[in-house]
């Protein structure tokens, strides 16, 4: 059960962190031309996916 609690805490902090970054990125992306914004977003999603799988 201890491991599960740690996983839950990690998950919650990751969600909190990503919400924080999404807000910042959203502001940044609004200032970018659309193709640039999309490619940045794809890169971030790719990195996030790799981090979560490892």
PDB file of N, CA and C in Angstrom:
ATOM      1  N   UNK A   1       0.825  -1.212   0.000  1.00  0.00           N
ATOM      2  CA  UNK A   1       0.000   0.000   0.000  1.00  0.00           C
ATOM      3  C   UNK A   1       0.860   1.263   0.000  1.00  0.00           C
ATOM      4  N   UNK A   2       2.025   1.202   0.639  1.00  0.00           N
ATOM      5  CA  UNK A   2       2.925   2.355   0.679  1.00  0.00           C
ATOM      6  C   UNK A   2       3.350   2.786  -0.711  1.00  0.00           C
ATOM      7  N   UNK A   3       3.680   1.812  -1.554  1.00  0.00           N
ATOM      8  CA  UNK A   3       4.103   2.105  -2.917  1.00  0.00           C
ATOM      9  C   UNK A   3       2.994   2.773  -3.705  1.00  0.00           C
ATOM     10  N   UNK A   4       1.779   2.305  -3.472  1.00  0.00           N
ATOM     11  CA  UNK A   4       0.628   2.855  -4.172  1.00  0.00           C
ATOM     12  C   UNK A   4       0.402   4.307  -3.784  1.00  0.00           C
ATOM     13  N   UNK A   5       0.570   4.609  -2.510  1.00  0.00           N
ATOM     14  CA  UNK A   5       0.417   5.990  -2.034  1.00  0.00           C
ATOM     15  C   UNK A   5       1.463   6.891  -2.679  1.00  0.00           C
ATOM     16  N   UNK A   6       2.697   6.391  -2.783  1.00  0.00           N
ATOM     17  CA  UNK A   6       3.753   7.166  -3.427  1.00  0.00           C
ATOM     18  C   UNK A   6       3.438   7.429  -4.895  1.00  0.00           C
ATOM     19  N   UNK A   7       2.929   6.409  -5.568  1.00  0.00           N
ATOM     20  CA  UNK A   7       2.570   6.545  -6.981  1.00  0.00           C
ATOM     21  C   UNK A   7       1.471   7.595  -7.133  1.00  0.00           C
ATOM     22  N   UNK A   8       0.522   7.567  -6.201  1.00  0.00           N
ATOM     23  CA  UNK A   8      -0.594   8.511  -6.248  1.00  0.00           C
ATOM     24  C   UNK A   8      -0.088   9.938  -6.056  1.00  0.00           C
ATOM     25  N   UNK A   9       0.805  10.115  -5.082  1.00  0.00           N
ATOM     26  CA  UNK A   9       1.375  11.432  -4.815  1.00  0.00           C
ATOM     27  C   UNK A   9       2.157  11.929  -6.022  1.00  0.00           C
ATOM     28  N   UNK A  10       2.940  11.044  -6.624  1.00  0.00           N
ATOM     29  CA  UNK A  10       3.725  11.393  -7.806  1.00  0.00           C
ATOM     30  C   UNK A  10       2.796  11.801  -8.941  1.00  0.00           C
ATOM     31  N   UNK A  11       1.741  11.027  -9.111  1.00  0.00           N
ATOM     32  CA  UNK A  11       0.766  11.308 -10.163  1.00  0.00           C
ATOM     33  C   UNK A  11       0.139  12.681  -9.949  1.00  0.00           C
ATOM     34  N   UNK A  12      -0.243  12.968  -8.709  1.00  0.00           N
ATOM     35  CA  UNK A  12      -0.869  14.255  -8.403  1.00  0.00           C
ATOM     36  C   UNK A  12       0.092  15.409  -8.622  1.00  0.00           C
ATOM     37  N   UNK A  13       1.354  15.227  -8.237  1.00  0.00           N
ATOM     38  CA  UNK A  13       2.318  16.307  -8.432  1.00  0.00           C
ATOM     39  C   UNK A  13       2.630  16.494  -9.915  1.00  0.00           C
ATOM     40  N   UNK A  14       2.654  15.389 -10.684  1.00  0.00           N
ATOM     41  CA  UNK A  14       2.842  15.497 -12.135  1.00  0.00           C
ATOM     42  C   UNK A  14       1.687  16.252 -12.772  1.00  0.00           C
ATOM     43  N   UNK A  15       0.468  15.946 -12.316  1.00  0.00           N
ATOM     44  CA  UNK A  15      -0.714  16.630 -12.855  1.00  0.00           C
ATOM     45  C   UNK A  15      -0.661  18.114 -12.502  1.00  0.00           C
ATOM     46  N   UNK A  16      -0.303  18.411 -11.261  1.00  0.00           N
ATOM     47  CA  UNK A  16      -0.180  19.802 -10.832  1.00  0.00           C
ATOM     48  C   UNK A  16       0.878  20.532 -11.633  1.00  0.00           C
ATOM     49  N   UNK A  17       2.008  19.871 -11.841  1.00  0.00           N
ATOM     50  CA  UNK A  17       3.100  20.450 -12.600  1.00  0.00           C
ATOM     51  C   UNK A  17       2.686  20.684 -14.047  1.00  0.00           C
ATOM     52  N   UNK A  18       2.043  19.688 -14.640  1.00  0.00           N
ATOM     53  CA  UNK A  18       1.646  19.843 -16.040  1.00  0.00           C
ATOM     54  C   UNK A  18       0.586  20.926 -16.190  1.00  0.00           C
ATOM     55  N   UNK A  19      -0.330  21.042 -15.215  1.00  0.00           N
ATOM     56  CA  UNK A  19      -1.319  22.123 -15.273  1.00  0.00           C
ATOM     57  C   UNK A  19      -0.630  23.480 -15.234  1.00  0.00           C
ATOM     58  N   UNK A  20       0.376  23.592 -14.385  1.00  0.00           N
ATOM     59  CA  UNK A  20       1.157  24.823 -14.266  1.00  0.00           C
ATOM     60  C   UNK A  20       1.836  25.142 -15.594  1.00  0.00           C
ATOM     61  N   UNK A  21       2.494  24.145 -16.178  1.00  0.00           N
ATOM     62  CA  UNK A  21       3.200  24.340 -17.451  1.00  0.00           C
ATOM     63  C   UNK A  21       2.239  24.614 -18.590  1.00  0.00           C
ATOM     64  N   UNK A  22       1.097  23.946 -18.565  1.00  0.00           N
ATOM     65  CA  UNK A  22       0.111  24.164 -19.636  1.00  0.00           C
ATOM     66  C   UNK A  22      -0.344  25.618 -19.636  1.00  0.00           C
ATOM     67  N   UNK A  23      -0.550  26.183 -18.443  1.00  0.00           N
ATOM     68  CA  UNK A  23      -0.946  27.601 -18.369  1.00  0.00           C
ATOM     69  C   UNK A  23       0.130  28.501 -18.958  1.00  0.00           C
ATOM     70  N   UNK A  24       1.382  28.250 -18.573  1.00  0.00           N
ATOM     71  CA  UNK A  24       2.502  29.049 -19.105  1.00  0.00           C
ATOM     72  C   UNK A  24       2.619  28.860 -20.608  1.00  0.00           C
ATOM     73  N   UNK A  25       2.585  27.605 -21.037  1.00  0.00           N
ATOM     74  CA  UNK A  25       2.732  27.300 -22.458  1.00  0.00           C
ATOM     75  C   UNK A  25       1.608  27.905 -23.270  1.00  0.00           C
ATOM     76  N   UNK A  26       0.405  27.865 -22.715  1.00  0.00           N
ATOM     77  CA  UNK A  26      -0.735  28.413 -23.425  1.00  0.00           C
ATOM     78  C   UNK A  26      -0.498  29.884 -23.731  1.00  0.00           C
ATOM     79  N   UNK A  27      -0.009  30.621 -22.749  1.00  0.00           N
ATOM     80  CA  UNK A  27       0.306  32.029 -22.958  1.00  0.00           C
ATOM     81  C   UNK A  27       1.411  32.177 -24.010  1.00  0.00           C
ATOM     82  N   UNK A  28       2.437  31.334 -23.903  1.00  0.00           N
ATOM     83  CA  UNK A  28       3.545  31.383 -24.870  1.00  0.00           C
ATOM     84  C   UNK A  28       3.065  31.043 -26.273  1.00  0.00           C
ATOM     85  N   UNK A  29       2.255  29.982 -26.350  1.00  0.00           N
ATOM     86  CA  UNK A  29       1.813  29.503 -27.658  1.00  0.00           C
ATOM     87  C   UNK A  29       0.920  30.520 -28.350  1.00  0.00           C
ATOM     88  N   UNK A  30       0.152  31.272 -27.569  1.00  0.00           N
ATOM     89  CA  UNK A  30      -0.705  32.302 -28.161  1.00  0.00           C
ATOM     90  C   UNK A  30       0.127  33.372 -28.853  1.00  0.00           C
ATOM     91  N   UNK A  31       1.373  33.509 -28.404  1.00  0.00           N
ATOM     92  CA  UNK A  31       2.262  34.515 -28.997  1.00  0.00           C
ATOM     93  C   UNK A  31       3.039  33.983 -30.203  1.00  0.00           C
ATOM     94  N   UNK A  32       2.889  32.683 -30.469  1.00  0.00           N
ATOM     95  CA  UNK A  32       3.642  32.059 -31.568  1.00  0.00           C
ATOM     96  C   UNK A  32       2.753  31.933 -32.802  1.00  0.00           C
ATOM     97  N   UNK A  33       3.372  31.941 -33.989  1.00  0.00           N
ATOM     98  CA  UNK A  33       2.610  31.536 -35.173  1.00  0.00           C
ATOM     99  C   UNK A  33       2.159  30.088 -35.015  1.00  0.00           C
ATOM    100  N   UNK A  34       1.028  29.751 -35.550  1.00  0.00           N
ATOM    101  CA  UNK A  34       0.414  28.444 -35.294  1.00  0.00           C
ATOM    102  C   UNK A  34       1.306  27.235 -35.576  1.00  0.00           C
ATOM    103  N   UNK A  35       1.977  27.127 -36.730  1.00  0.00           N
ATOM    104  CA  UNK A  35       2.805  25.931 -36.977  1.00  0.00           C
ATOM    105  C   UNK A  35       3.871  25.728 -35.894  1.00  0.00           C
ATOM    106  N   UNK A  36       4.456  26.840 -35.450  1.00  0.00           N
ATOM    107  CA  UNK A  36       5.459  26.794 -34.396  1.00  0.00           C
ATOM    108  C   UNK A  36       4.843  26.258 -33.110  1.00  0.00           C
ATOM    109  N   UNK A  37       3.689  26.781 -32.758  1.00  0.00           N
ATOM    110  CA  UNK A  37       2.995  26.366 -31.541  1.00  0.00           C
ATOM    111  C   UNK A  37       2.697  24.873 -31.575  1.00  0.00           C
ATOM    112  N   UNK A  38       2.218  24.402 -32.703  1.00  0.00           N
ATOM    113  CA  UNK A  38       1.868  22.983 -32.820  1.00  0.00           C
ATOM    114  C   UNK A  38       3.102  22.107 -32.675  1.00  0.00           C
ATOM    115  N   UNK A  39       4.207  22.500 -33.295  1.00  0.00           N
ATOM    116  CA  UNK A  39       5.411  21.667 -33.205  1.00  0.00           C
ATOM    117  C   UNK A  39       5.963  21.650 -31.784  1.00  0.00           C
ATOM    118  N   UNK A  40       5.880  22.792 -31.080  1.00  0.00           N
ATOM    119  CA  UNK A  40       6.314  22.838 -29.675  1.00  0.00           C
ATOM    120  C   UNK A  40       5.453  21.895 -28.840  1.00  0.00           C
ATOM    121  N   UNK A  41       4.153  21.951 -29.060  1.00  0.00           N
ATOM    122  CA  UNK A  41       3.214  21.126 -28.308  1.00  0.00           C
ATOM    123  C   UNK A  41       3.491  19.640 -28.538  1.00  0.00           C
ATOM    124  N   UNK A  42       3.727  19.271 -29.781  1.00  0.00           N
ATOM    125  CA  UNK A  42       4.025  17.875 -30.112  1.00  0.00           C
ATOM    126  C   UNK A  42       5.305  17.418 -29.411  1.00  0.00           C
ATOM    127  N   UNK A  43       6.322  18.270 -29.415  1.00  0.00           N
ATOM    128  CA  UNK A  43       7.570  17.934 -28.723  1.00  0.00           C
ATOM    129  C   UNK A  43       7.337  17.694 -27.241  1.00  0.00           C
ATOM    130  N   UNK A  44       6.547  18.556 -26.618  1.00  0.00           N
ATOM    131  CA  UNK A  44       6.277  18.427 -25.185  1.00  0.00           C
ATOM    132  C   UNK A  44       5.525  17.137 -24.899  1.00  0.00           C
ATOM    133  N   UNK A  45       4.529  16.827 -25.725  1.00  0.00           N
ATOM    134  CA  UNK A  45       3.762  15.598 -25.526  1.00  0.00           C
ATOM    135  C   UNK A  45       4.660  14.378 -25.675  1.00  0.00           C
ATOM    136  N   UNK A  46       5.559  14.415 -26.638  1.00  0.00           N
ATOM    137  CA  UNK A  46       6.489  13.313 -26.879  1.00  0.00           C
ATOM    138  C   UNK A  46       7.403  13.102 -25.680  1.00  0.00           C
ATOM    139  N   UNK A  47       7.954  14.204 -25.163  1.00  0.00           N
ATOM    140  CA  UNK A  47       8.838  14.136 -23.995  1.00  0.00           C
ATOM    141  C   UNK A  47       8.075  13.586 -22.793  1.00  0.00           C
ATOM    142  N   UNK A  48       6.862  14.091 -22.588  1.00  0.00           N
ATOM    143  CA  UNK A  48       6.033  13.646 -21.466  1.00  0.00           C
ATOM    144  C   UNK A  48       5.767  12.151 -21.563  1.00  0.00           C
ATOM    145  N   UNK A  49       5.417  11.690 -22.746  1.00  0.00           N
ATOM    146  CA  UNK A  49       5.150  10.275 -22.982  1.00  0.00           C
ATOM    147  C   UNK A  49       6.384   9.442 -22.624  1.00  0.00           C
ATOM    148  N   UNK A  50       7.558   9.867 -23.071  1.00  0.00           N
ATOM    149  CA  UNK A  50       8.798   9.135 -22.788  1.00  0.00           C
ATOM    150  C   UNK A  50       9.096   9.101 -21.295  1.00  0.00           C
ATOM    151  N   UNK A  51       8.878  10.224 -20.617  1.00  0.00           N
ATOM    152  CA  UNK A  51       9.131  10.305 -19.178  1.00  0.00           C
ATOM    153  C   UNK A  51       8.202   9.354 -18.429  1.00  0.00           C
ATOM    154  N   UNK A  52       6.931   9.339 -18.792  1.00  0.00           N
ATOM    155  CA  UNK A  52       5.955   8.506 -18.094  1.00  0.00           C
ATOM    156  C   UNK A  52       6.210   7.019 -18.329  1.00  0.00           C
ATOM    157  N   UNK A  53       6.748   6.669 -19.488  1.00  0.00           N
ATOM    158  CA  UNK A  53       7.009   5.263 -19.783  1.00  0.00           C
ATOM    159  C   UNK A  53       8.249   4.745 -19.071  1.00  0.00           C
ATOM    160  N   UNK A  54       9.173   5.627 -18.707  1.00  0.00           N
ATOM    161  CA  UNK A  54      10.417   5.194 -18.058  1.00  0.00           C
ATOM    162  C   UNK A  54      10.304   5.139 -16.547  1.00  0.00           C
TER     163      UNK A  54
END
